[in-house]
């Protein structure tokens, strides 16, 4: 028997256990349903091609592209490089002025 790992994520830490329990229950139900379905099906006939075709026909809902994270990262990088550049500039001016004394 091989060990498997299930990683569960939830925004609220208090709901992790209930979420993991429901996922395990759903997976167990799905596996047992498929096993029962396979036992009832005759050995010579298989509808796996039909299942694949039905999965391909499902229409997925289009989601809008959200660029807010990319914009925030770009703005942060610009701010960092601007501040670092200004700091190096001030350091160079200070070194140039103090060197002449």
PDB file of N, CA and C in Angstrom:
ATOM      1  N   UNK A   1       0.853  -1.178   0.000  1.00  0.00           N
ATOM      2  CA  UNK A   1       0.000   0.000   0.000  1.00  0.00           C
ATOM      3  C   UNK A   1       0.891   1.230   0.000  1.00  0.00           C
ATOM      4  N   UNK A   2       0.668   2.105  -0.933  1.00  0.00           N
ATOM      5  CA  UNK A   2       1.485   3.316  -1.016  1.00  0.00           C
ATOM      6  C   UNK A   2       0.786   4.457  -0.292  1.00  0.00           C
ATOM      7  N   UNK A   3       1.597   5.335   0.268  1.00  0.00           N
ATOM      8  CA  UNK A   3       1.040   6.497   0.952  1.00  0.00           C
ATOM      9  C   UNK A   3       0.862   7.630  -0.033  1.00  0.00           C
ATOM     10  N   UNK A   4      -0.215   8.350   0.137  1.00  0.00           N
ATOM     11  CA  UNK A   4      -0.490   9.516  -0.694  1.00  0.00           C
ATOM     12  C   UNK A   4      -0.635  10.717   0.224  1.00  0.00           C
ATOM     13  N   UNK A   5      -0.420  11.887  -0.330  1.00  0.00           N
ATOM     14  CA  UNK A   5      -0.480  13.115   0.441  1.00  0.00           C
ATOM     15  C   UNK A   5      -1.548  14.016  -0.152  1.00  0.00           C
ATOM     16  N   UNK A   6      -2.410  14.525   0.704  1.00  0.00           N
ATOM     17  CA  UNK A   6      -3.449  15.449   0.285  1.00  0.00           C
ATOM     18  C   UNK A   6      -3.166  16.793   0.931  1.00  0.00           C
ATOM     19  N   UNK A   7      -2.943  17.807   0.110  1.00  0.00           N
ATOM     20  CA  UNK A   7      -2.695  19.153   0.608  1.00  0.00           C
ATOM     21  C   UNK A   7      -3.997  19.927   0.518  1.00  0.00           C
ATOM     22  N   UNK A   8      -4.415  20.495   1.640  1.00  0.00           N
ATOM     23  CA  UNK A   8      -5.685  21.216   1.707  1.00  0.00           C
ATOM     24  C   UNK A   8      -5.393  22.668   2.049  1.00  0.00           C
ATOM     25  N   UNK A   9      -6.055  23.574   1.331  1.00  0.00           N
ATOM     26  CA  UNK A   9      -5.876  25.004   1.577  1.00  0.00           C
ATOM     27  C   UNK A   9      -7.242  25.632   1.763  1.00  0.00           C
ATOM     28  N   UNK A  10      -7.318  26.517   2.749  1.00  0.00           N
ATOM     29  CA  UNK A  10      -8.531  27.280   2.969  1.00  0.00           C
ATOM     30  C   UNK A  10      -8.130  28.638   3.527  1.00  0.00           C
ATOM     31  N   UNK A  11      -8.873  29.662   3.181  1.00  0.00           N
ATOM     32  CA  UNK A  11      -8.549  31.006   3.649  1.00  0.00           C
ATOM     33  C   UNK A  11      -8.714  31.147   5.160  1.00  0.00           C
ATOM     34  N   UNK A  12      -9.596  30.361   5.727  1.00  0.00           N
ATOM     35  CA  UNK A  12      -9.822  30.399   7.166  1.00  0.00           C
ATOM     36  C   UNK A  12      -9.248  29.129   7.784  1.00  0.00           C
ATOM     37  N   UNK A  13      -8.295  29.285   8.683  1.00  0.00           N
ATOM     38  CA  UNK A  13      -7.619  28.130   9.275  1.00  0.00           C
ATOM     39  C   UNK A  13      -8.560  27.263  10.103  1.00  0.00           C
ATOM     40  N   UNK A  14      -9.630  27.827  10.601  1.00  0.00           N
ATOM     41  CA  UNK A  14     -10.574  27.065  11.418  1.00  0.00           C
ATOM     42  C   UNK A  14     -11.384  26.075  10.587  1.00  0.00           C
ATOM     43  N   UNK A  15     -11.442  26.269   9.278  1.00  0.00           N
ATOM     44  CA  UNK A  15     -12.235  25.398   8.404  1.00  0.00           C
ATOM     45  C   UNK A  15     -11.398  24.323   7.717  1.00  0.00           C
ATOM     46  N   UNK A  16     -10.107  24.244   8.007  1.00  0.00           N
ATOM     47  CA  UNK A  16      -9.238  23.285   7.312  1.00  0.00           C
ATOM     48  C   UNK A  16      -9.659  21.840   7.548  1.00  0.00           C
ATOM     49  N   UNK A  17      -9.921  21.492   8.792  1.00  0.00           N
ATOM     50  CA  UNK A  17     -10.255  20.097   9.094  1.00  0.00           C
ATOM     51  C   UNK A  17     -11.558  19.678   8.432  1.00  0.00           C
ATOM     52  N   UNK A  18     -12.575  20.529   8.504  1.00  0.00           N
ATOM     53  CA  UNK A  18     -13.854  20.182   7.884  1.00  0.00           C
ATOM     54  C   UNK A  18     -13.718  20.111   6.358  1.00  0.00           C
ATOM     55  N   UNK A  19     -12.903  20.992   5.782  1.00  0.00           N
ATOM     56  CA  UNK A  19     -12.683  20.965   4.331  1.00  0.00           C
ATOM     57  C   UNK A  19     -11.959  19.677   3.921  1.00  0.00           C
ATOM     58  N   UNK A  20     -10.924  19.309   4.672  1.00  0.00           N
ATOM     59  CA  UNK A  20     -10.179  18.081   4.365  1.00  0.00           C
ATOM     60  C   UNK A  20     -11.080  16.859   4.503  1.00  0.00           C
ATOM     61  N   UNK A  21     -11.918  16.830   5.521  1.00  0.00           N
ATOM     62  CA  UNK A  21     -12.843  15.717   5.722  1.00  0.00           C
ATOM     63  C   UNK A  21     -13.829  15.607   4.571  1.00  0.00           C
ATOM     64  N   UNK A  22     -14.358  16.737   4.126  1.00  0.00           N
ATOM     65  CA  UNK A  22     -15.318  16.699   3.017  1.00  0.00           C
ATOM     66  C   UNK A  22     -14.638  16.273   1.712  1.00  0.00           C
ATOM     67  N   UNK A  23     -13.386  16.706   1.498  1.00  0.00           N
ATOM     68  CA  UNK A  23     -12.664  16.295   0.281  1.00  0.00           C
ATOM     69  C   UNK A  23     -12.411  14.795   0.294  1.00  0.00           C
ATOM     70  N   UNK A  24     -11.968  14.276   1.440  1.00  0.00           N
ATOM     71  CA  UNK A  24     -11.713  12.833   1.547  1.00  0.00           C
ATOM     72  C   UNK A  24     -13.005  12.052   1.342  1.00  0.00           C
ATOM     73  N   UNK A  25     -14.103  12.531   1.917  1.00  0.00           N
ATOM     74  CA  UNK A  25     -15.389  11.851   1.747  1.00  0.00           C
ATOM     75  C   UNK A  25     -15.818  11.858   0.277  1.00  0.00           C
ATOM     76  N   UNK A  26     -15.655  12.979  -0.397  1.00  0.00           N
ATOM     77  CA  UNK A  26     -16.011  13.062  -1.818  1.00  0.00           C
ATOM     78  C   UNK A  26     -15.140  12.150  -2.672  1.00  0.00           C
ATOM     79  N   UNK A  27     -13.848  12.121  -2.373  1.00  0.00           N
ATOM     80  CA  UNK A  27     -12.955  11.241  -3.133  1.00  0.00           C
ATOM     81  C   UNK A  27     -13.306   9.772  -2.911  1.00  0.00           C
ATOM     82  N   UNK A  28     -13.577   9.403  -1.674  1.00  0.00           N
ATOM     83  CA  UNK A  28     -13.945   8.021  -1.367  1.00  0.00           C
ATOM     84  C   UNK A  28     -15.237   7.644  -2.084  1.00  0.00           C
ATOM     85  N   UNK A  29     -16.221   8.533  -2.046  1.00  0.00           N
ATOM     86  CA  UNK A  29     -17.492   8.277  -2.727  1.00  0.00           C
ATOM     87  C   UNK A  29     -17.278   8.120  -4.227  1.00  0.00           C
ATOM     88  N   UNK A  30     -16.435   8.984  -4.815  1.00  0.00           N
ATOM     89  CA  UNK A  30     -16.172   8.909  -6.249  1.00  0.00           C
ATOM     90  C   UNK A  30     -15.488   7.592  -6.615  1.00  0.00           C
ATOM     91  N   UNK A  31     -14.518   7.174  -5.811  1.00  0.00           N
ATOM     92  CA  UNK A  31     -13.792   5.927  -6.100  1.00  0.00           C
ATOM     93  C   UNK A  31     -14.723   4.728  -5.986  1.00  0.00           C
ATOM     94  N   UNK A  32     -15.530   4.673  -4.930  1.00  0.00           N
ATOM     95  CA  UNK A  32     -16.433   3.549  -4.757  1.00  0.00           C
ATOM     96  C   UNK A  32     -17.516   3.537  -5.817  1.00  0.00           C
ATOM     97  N   UNK A  33     -17.985   4.697  -6.243  1.00  0.00           N
ATOM     98  CA  UNK A  33     -18.996   4.759  -7.304  1.00  0.00           C
ATOM     99  C   UNK A  33     -18.420   4.235  -8.617  1.00  0.00           C
ATOM    100  N   UNK A  34     -17.186   4.626  -8.917  1.00  0.00           N
ATOM    101  CA  UNK A  34     -16.544   4.136 -10.136  1.00  0.00           C
ATOM    102  C   UNK A  34     -16.295   2.638 -10.058  1.00  0.00           C
ATOM    103  N   UNK A  35     -15.912   2.147  -8.890  1.00  0.00           N
ATOM    104  CA  UNK A  35     -15.667   0.714  -8.731  1.00  0.00           C
ATOM    105  C   UNK A  35     -16.955  -0.070  -8.925  1.00  0.00           C
ATOM    106  N   UNK A  36     -18.041   0.428  -8.357  1.00  0.00           N
ATOM    107  CA  UNK A  36     -19.328  -0.255  -8.521  1.00  0.00           C
ATOM    108  C   UNK A  36     -19.775  -0.204  -9.983  1.00  0.00           C
ATOM    109  N   UNK A  37     -19.540   0.928 -10.642  1.00  0.00           N
ATOM    110  CA  UNK A  37     -19.913   1.085 -12.047  1.00  0.00           C
ATOM    111  C   UNK A  37     -19.120   0.113 -12.919  1.00  0.00           C
ATOM    112  N   UNK A  38     -17.841  -0.050 -12.620  1.00  0.00           N
ATOM    113  CA  UNK A  38     -16.987  -0.949 -13.399  1.00  0.00           C
ATOM    114  C   UNK A  38     -17.370  -2.407 -13.189  1.00  0.00           C
ATOM    115  N   UNK A  39     -17.844  -2.775 -11.986  1.00  0.00           N
ATOM    116  CA  UNK A  39     -18.256  -4.158 -11.736  1.00  0.00           C
ATOM    117  C   UNK A  39     -19.531  -4.498 -12.493  1.00  0.00           C
ATOM    118  N   UNK A  40     -20.443  -3.543 -12.627  1.00  0.00           N
ATOM    119  CA  UNK A  40     -21.699  -3.778 -13.317  1.00  0.00           C
ATOM    120  C   UNK A  40     -21.516  -3.843 -14.837  1.00  0.00           C
ATOM    121  N   UNK A  41     -20.492  -3.185 -15.354  1.00  0.00           N
ATOM    122  CA  UNK A  41     -20.259  -3.110 -16.788  1.00  0.00           C
ATOM    123  C   UNK A  41     -19.621  -4.404 -17.278  1.00  0.00           C
ATOM    124  N   UNK A  42     -20.118  -4.986 -18.377  1.00  0.00           N
ATOM    125  CA  UNK A  42     -19.512  -6.211 -18.917  1.00  0.00           C
ATOM    126  C   UNK A  42     -18.068  -5.961 -19.347  1.00  0.00           C
ATOM    127  N   UNK A  43     -17.267  -7.020 -19.325  1.00  0.00           N
ATOM    128  CA  UNK A  43     -15.854  -6.905 -19.630  1.00  0.00           C
ATOM    129  C   UNK A  43     -15.589  -6.461 -21.067  1.00  0.00           C
ATOM    130  N   UNK A  44     -16.391  -6.896 -22.018  1.00  0.00           N
ATOM    131  CA  UNK A  44     -16.141  -6.599 -23.416  1.00  0.00           C
ATOM    132  C   UNK A  44     -16.481  -5.170 -23.821  1.00  0.00           C
ATOM    133  N   UNK A  45     -17.401  -4.536 -23.129  1.00  0.00           N
ATOM    134  CA  UNK A  45     -17.845  -3.207 -23.516  1.00  0.00           C
ATOM    135  C   UNK A  45     -17.278  -2.170 -22.556  1.00  0.00           C
ATOM    136  N   UNK A  46     -16.748  -1.118 -23.138  1.00  0.00           N
ATOM    137  CA  UNK A  46     -16.216  -0.036 -22.314  1.00  0.00           C
ATOM    138  C   UNK A  46     -16.668   1.293 -22.902  1.00  0.00           C
ATOM    139  N   UNK A  47     -17.143   2.180 -22.061  1.00  0.00           N
ATOM    140  CA  UNK A  47     -17.618   3.480 -22.513  1.00  0.00           C
ATOM    141  C   UNK A  47     -16.612   4.573 -22.178  1.00  0.00           C
ATOM    142  N   UNK A  48     -15.342   4.221 -22.075  1.00  0.00           N
ATOM    143  CA  UNK A  48     -14.348   5.226 -21.704  1.00  0.00           C
ATOM    144  C   UNK A  48     -14.207   6.291 -22.785  1.00  0.00           C
ATOM    145  N   UNK A  49     -14.401   5.924 -24.060  1.00  0.00           N
ATOM    146  CA  UNK A  49     -14.330   6.917 -25.133  1.00  0.00           C
ATOM    147  C   UNK A  49     -15.467   7.921 -25.012  1.00  0.00           C
ATOM    148  N   UNK A  50     -16.653   7.445 -24.643  1.00  0.00           N
ATOM    149  CA  UNK A  50     -17.793   8.340 -24.473  1.00  0.00           C
ATOM    150  C   UNK A  50     -17.560   9.302 -23.316  1.00  0.00           C
ATOM    151  N   UNK A  51     -16.939   8.806 -22.240  1.00  0.00           N
ATOM    152  CA  UNK A  51     -16.661   9.665 -21.094  1.00  0.00           C
ATOM    153  C   UNK A  51     -15.703  10.784 -21.469  1.00  0.00           C
ATOM    154  N   UNK A  52     -14.689  10.457 -22.260  1.00  0.00           N
ATOM    155  CA  UNK A  52     -13.718  11.460 -22.682  1.00  0.00           C
ATOM    156  C   UNK A  52     -14.390  12.503 -23.562  1.00  0.00           C
ATOM    157  N   UNK A  53     -15.253  12.057 -24.478  1.00  0.00           N
ATOM    158  CA  UNK A  53     -15.937  13.000 -25.357  1.00  0.00           C
ATOM    159  C   UNK A  53     -16.867  13.915 -24.564  1.00  0.00           C
ATOM    160  N   UNK A  54     -17.543  13.390 -23.564  1.00  0.00           N
ATOM    161  CA  UNK A  54     -18.436  14.218 -22.749  1.00  0.00           C
ATOM    162  C   UNK A  54     -17.648  15.240 -21.944  1.00  0.00           C
ATOM    163  N   UNK A  55     -16.462  14.866 -21.459  1.00  0.00           N
ATOM    164  CA  UNK A  55     -15.632  15.811 -20.722  1.00  0.00           C
ATOM    165  C   UNK A  55     -15.157  16.944 -21.627  1.00  0.00           C
ATOM    166  N   UNK A  56     -14.863  16.624 -22.877  1.00  0.00           N
ATOM    167  CA  UNK A  56     -14.402  17.645 -23.810  1.00  0.00           C
ATOM    168  C   UNK A  56     -15.509  18.637 -24.171  1.00  0.00           C
ATOM    169  N   UNK A  57     -16.760  18.214 -24.078  1.00  0.00           N
ATOM    170  CA  UNK A  57     -17.872  19.062 -24.483  1.00  0.00           C
ATOM    171  C   UNK A  57     -18.301  20.056 -23.402  1.00  0.00           C
ATOM    172  N   UNK A  58     -17.809  19.873 -22.192  1.00  0.00           N
ATOM    173  CA  UNK A  58     -18.207  20.788 -21.125  1.00  0.00           C
ATOM    174  C   UNK A  58     -17.686  22.184 -21.423  1.00  0.00           C
ATOM    175  N   UNK A  59     -18.554  23.171 -21.288  1.00  0.00           N
ATOM    176  CA  UNK A  59     -18.196  24.552 -21.567  1.00  0.00           C
ATOM    177  C   UNK A  59     -17.732  25.193 -20.268  1.00  0.00           C
ATOM    178  N   UNK A  60     -16.542  25.741 -20.300  1.00  0.00           N
ATOM    179  CA  UNK A  60     -16.034  26.417 -19.120  1.00  0.00           C
ATOM    180  C   UNK A  60     -16.346  27.899 -19.231  1.00  0.00           C
ATOM    181  N   UNK A  61     -16.626  28.493 -18.101  1.00  0.00           N
ATOM    182  CA  UNK A  61     -16.973  29.911 -18.076  1.00  0.00           C
ATOM    183  C   UNK A  61     -15.696  30.737 -18.167  1.00  0.00           C
ATOM    184  N   UNK A  62     -15.697  31.722 -19.049  1.00  0.00           N
ATOM    185  CA  UNK A  62     -14.544  32.606 -19.211  1.00  0.00           C
ATOM    186  C   UNK A  62     -14.439  33.522 -18.014  1.00  0.00           C
ATOM    187  N   UNK A  63     -13.210  33.696 -17.504  1.00  0.00           N
ATOM    188  CA  UNK A  63     -12.983  34.595 -16.383  1.00  0.00           C
ATOM    189  C   UNK A  63     -12.206  35.802 -16.871  1.00  0.00           C
ATOM    190  N   UNK A  64     -12.483  36.941 -16.245  1.00  0.00           N
ATOM    191  CA  UNK A  64     -11.751  38.143 -16.597  1.00  0.00           C
ATOM    192  C   UNK A  64     -10.318  38.027 -16.096  1.00  0.00           C
ATOM    193  N   UNK A  65      -9.396  38.597 -16.858  1.00  0.00           N
ATOM    194  CA  UNK A  65      -8.003  38.625 -16.442  1.00  0.00           C
ATOM    195  C   UNK A  65      -7.816  39.767 -15.465  1.00  0.00           C
ATOM    196  N   UNK A  66      -7.282  39.442 -14.320  1.00  0.00           N
ATOM    197  CA  UNK A  66      -7.058  40.460 -13.298  1.00  0.00           C
ATOM    198  C   UNK A  66      -5.565  40.772 -13.262  1.00  0.00           C
ATOM    199  N   UNK A  67      -5.229  42.023 -13.539  1.00  0.00           N
ATOM    200  CA  UNK A  67      -3.840  42.434 -13.624  1.00  0.00           C
ATOM    201  C   UNK A  67      -3.386  43.262 -12.426  1.00  0.00           C
ATOM    202  N   UNK A  68      -4.180  43.345 -11.382  1.00  0.00           N
ATOM    203  CA  UNK A  68      -3.853  44.216 -10.268  1.00  0.00           C
ATOM    204  C   UNK A  68      -2.546  43.793  -9.600  1.00  0.00           C
ATOM    205  N   UNK A  69      -2.310  42.497  -9.458  1.00  0.00           N
ATOM    206  CA  UNK A  69      -1.072  42.032  -8.826  1.00  0.00           C
ATOM    207  C   UNK A  69       0.130  42.406  -9.680  1.00  0.00           C
ATOM    208  N   UNK A  70       0.040  42.232 -10.977  1.00  0.00           N
ATOM    209  CA  UNK A  70       1.146  42.578 -11.867  1.00  0.00           C
ATOM    210  C   UNK A  70       1.432  44.071 -11.835  1.00  0.00           C
ATOM    211  N   UNK A  71       0.380  44.875 -11.808  1.00  0.00           N
ATOM    212  CA  UNK A  71       0.548  46.332 -11.762  1.00  0.00           C
ATOM    213  C   UNK A  71       1.205  46.746 -10.448  1.00  0.00           C
ATOM    214  N   UNK A  72       0.776  46.164  -9.333  1.00  0.00           N
ATOM    215  CA  UNK A  72       1.359  46.497  -8.038  1.00  0.00           C
ATOM    216  C   UNK A  72       2.830  46.094  -7.952  1.00  0.00           C
ATOM    217  N   UNK A  73       3.177  44.938  -8.489  1.00  0.00           N
ATOM    218  CA  UNK A  73       4.575  44.498  -8.485  1.00  0.00           C
ATOM    219  C   UNK A  73       5.420  45.437  -9.346  1.00  0.00           C
ATOM    220  N   UNK A  74       4.923  45.814 -10.527  1.00  0.00           N
ATOM    221  CA  UNK A  74       5.662  46.730 -11.401  1.00  0.00           C
ATOM    222  C   UNK A  74       5.854  48.089 -10.730  1.00  0.00           C
ATOM    223  N   UNK A  75       4.811  48.600 -10.086  1.00  0.00           N
ATOM    224  CA  UNK A  75       4.925  49.894  -9.396  1.00  0.00           C
ATOM    225  C   UNK A  75       5.913  49.814  -8.241  1.00  0.00           C
ATOM    226  N   UNK A  76       5.889  48.724  -7.512  1.00  0.00           N
ATOM    227  CA  UNK A  76       6.821  48.541  -6.394  1.00  0.00           C
ATOM    228  C   UNK A  76       8.255  48.476  -6.888  1.00  0.00           C
ATOM    229  N   UNK A  77       8.487  47.754  -7.968  1.00  0.00           N
ATOM    230  CA  UNK A  77       9.844  47.669  -8.527  1.00  0.00           C
ATOM    231  C   UNK A  77      10.324  49.033  -9.017  1.00  0.00           C
ATOM    232  N   UNK A  78       9.442  49.769  -9.683  1.00  0.00           N
ATOM    233  CA  UNK A  78       9.817  51.120 -10.131  1.00  0.00           C
ATOM    234  C   UNK A  78      10.171  52.012  -8.943  1.00  0.00           C
ATOM    235  N   UNK A  79       9.383  51.943  -7.894  1.00  0.00           N
ATOM    236  CA  UNK A  79       9.648  52.743  -6.695  1.00  0.00           C
ATOM    237  C   UNK A  79      10.969  52.344  -6.043  1.00  0.00           C
ATOM    238  N   UNK A  80      11.232  51.066  -5.950  1.00  0.00           N
ATOM    239  CA  UNK A  80      12.485  50.589  -5.352  1.00  0.00           C
ATOM    240  C   UNK A  80      13.679  51.079  -6.151  1.00  0.00           C
ATOM    241  N   UNK A  81      13.646  50.911  -7.467  1.00  0.00           N
ATOM    242  CA  UNK A  81      14.784  51.339  -8.289  1.00  0.00           C
ATOM    243  C   UNK A  81      14.953  52.857  -8.272  1.00  0.00           C
ATOM    244  N   UNK A  82      13.855  53.594  -8.206  1.00  0.00           N
ATOM    245  CA  UNK A  82      13.946  55.056  -8.133  1.00  0.00           C
ATOM    246  C   UNK A  82      14.597  55.491  -6.826  1.00  0.00           C
ATOM    247  N   UNK A  83      14.167  54.917  -5.727  1.00  0.00           N
ATOM    248  CA  UNK A  83      14.731  55.266  -4.421  1.00  0.00           C
ATOM    249  C   UNK A  83      16.193  54.848  -4.323  1.00  0.00           C
ATOM    250  N   UNK A  84      16.523  53.673  -4.805  1.00  0.00           N
ATOM    251  CA  UNK A  84      17.924  53.240  -4.784  1.00  0.00           C
ATOM    252  C   UNK A  84      18.790  54.148  -5.659  1.00  0.00           C
ATOM    253  N   UNK A  85      18.271  54.508  -6.828  1.00  0.00           N
ATOM    254  CA  UNK A  85      19.008  55.406  -7.710  1.00  0.00           C
ATOM    255  C   UNK A  85      19.222  56.773  -7.078  1.00  0.00           C
ATOM    256  N   UNK A  86      18.188  57.296  -6.424  1.00  0.00           N
ATOM    257  CA  UNK A  86      18.318  58.596  -5.751  1.00  0.00           C
ATOM    258  C   UNK A  86      19.331  58.516  -4.609  1.00  0.00           C
ATOM    259  N   UNK A  87      19.338  57.422  -3.885  1.00  0.00           N
ATOM    260  CA  UNK A  87      20.305  57.242  -2.801  1.00  0.00           C
ATOM    261  C   UNK A  87      21.729  57.194  -3.310  1.00  0.00           C
ATOM    262  N   UNK A  88      21.960  56.431  -4.380  1.00  0.00           N
ATOM    263  CA  UNK A  88      23.305  56.351  -4.959  1.00  0.00           C
ATOM    264  C   UNK A  88      23.740  57.707  -5.519  1.00  0.00           C
ATOM    265  N   UNK A  89      22.781  58.437  -6.076  1.00  0.00           N
ATOM    266  CA  UNK A  89      23.079  59.771  -6.612  1.00  0.00           C
ATOM    267  C   UNK A  89      23.541  60.705  -5.490  1.00  0.00           C
ATOM    268  N   UNK A  90      22.791  60.703  -4.387  1.00  0.00           N
ATOM    269  CA  UNK A  90      23.175  61.541  -3.245  1.00  0.00           C
ATOM    270  C   UNK A  90      24.529  61.128  -2.685  1.00  0.00           C
ATOM    271  N   UNK A  91      24.782  59.841  -2.635  1.00  0.00           N
ATOM    272  CA  UNK A  91      26.081  59.351  -2.153  1.00  0.00           C
ATOM    273  C   UNK A  91      27.212  59.801  -3.069  1.00  0.00           C
ATOM    274  N   UNK A  92      26.977  59.746  -4.373  1.00  0.00           N
ATOM    275  CA  UNK A  92      28.000  60.181  -5.331  1.00  0.00           C
ATOM    276  C   UNK A  92      28.258  61.680  -5.210  1.00  0.00           C
ATOM    277  N   UNK A  93      27.196  62.477  -5.045  1.00  0.00           N
ATOM    278  CA  UNK A  93      27.363  63.932  -4.885  1.00  0.00           C
ATOM    279  C   UNK A  93      28.135  64.226  -3.599  1.00  0.00           C
ATOM    280  N   UNK A  94      27.792  63.535  -2.517  1.00  0.00           N
ATOM    281  CA  UNK A  94      28.475  63.758  -1.244  1.00  0.00           C
ATOM    282  C   UNK A  94      29.945  63.382  -1.341  1.00  0.00           C
ATOM    283  N   UNK A  95      30.248  62.283  -2.003  1.00  0.00           N
ATOM    284  CA  UNK A  95      31.651  61.875  -2.169  1.00  0.00           C
ATOM    285  C   UNK A  95      32.415  62.875  -3.032  1.00  0.00           C
ATOM    286  N   UNK A  96      31.765  63.383  -4.079  1.00  0.00           N
ATOM    287  CA  UNK A  96      32.422  64.361  -4.960  1.00  0.00           C
ATOM    288  C   UNK A  96      32.709  65.669  -4.226  1.00  0.00           C
ATOM    289  N   UNK A  97      31.779  66.123  -3.394  1.00  0.00           N
ATOM    290  CA  UNK A  97      31.960  67.374  -2.667  1.00  0.00           C
ATOM    291  C   UNK A  97      33.006  67.208  -1.560  1.00  0.00           C
ATOM    292  N   UNK A  98      32.941  66.136  -0.818  1.00  0.00           N
ATOM    293  CA  UNK A  98      33.879  65.916   0.281  1.00  0.00           C
ATOM    294  C   UNK A  98      35.284  65.605  -0.212  1.00  0.00           C
ATOM    295  N   UNK A  99      35.422  65.065  -1.388  1.00  0.00           N
ATOM    296  CA  UNK A  99      36.727  64.689  -1.913  1.00  0.00           C
ATOM    297  C   UNK A  99      37.546  65.946  -2.214  1.00  0.00           C
ATOM    298  N   UNK A 100      36.880  67.014  -2.594  1.00  0.00           N
ATOM    299  CA  UNK A 100      37.579  68.239  -2.971  1.00  0.00           C
ATOM    300  C   UNK A 100      38.093  69.003  -1.753  1.00  0.00           C
ATOM    301  N   UNK A 101      37.662  68.731  -0.580  1.00  0.00           N
ATOM    302  CA  UNK A 101      38.096  69.465   0.622  1.00  0.00           C
ATOM    303  C   UNK A 101      39.470  69.133   0.983  1.00  0.00           C
TER     304      UNK A 101
END
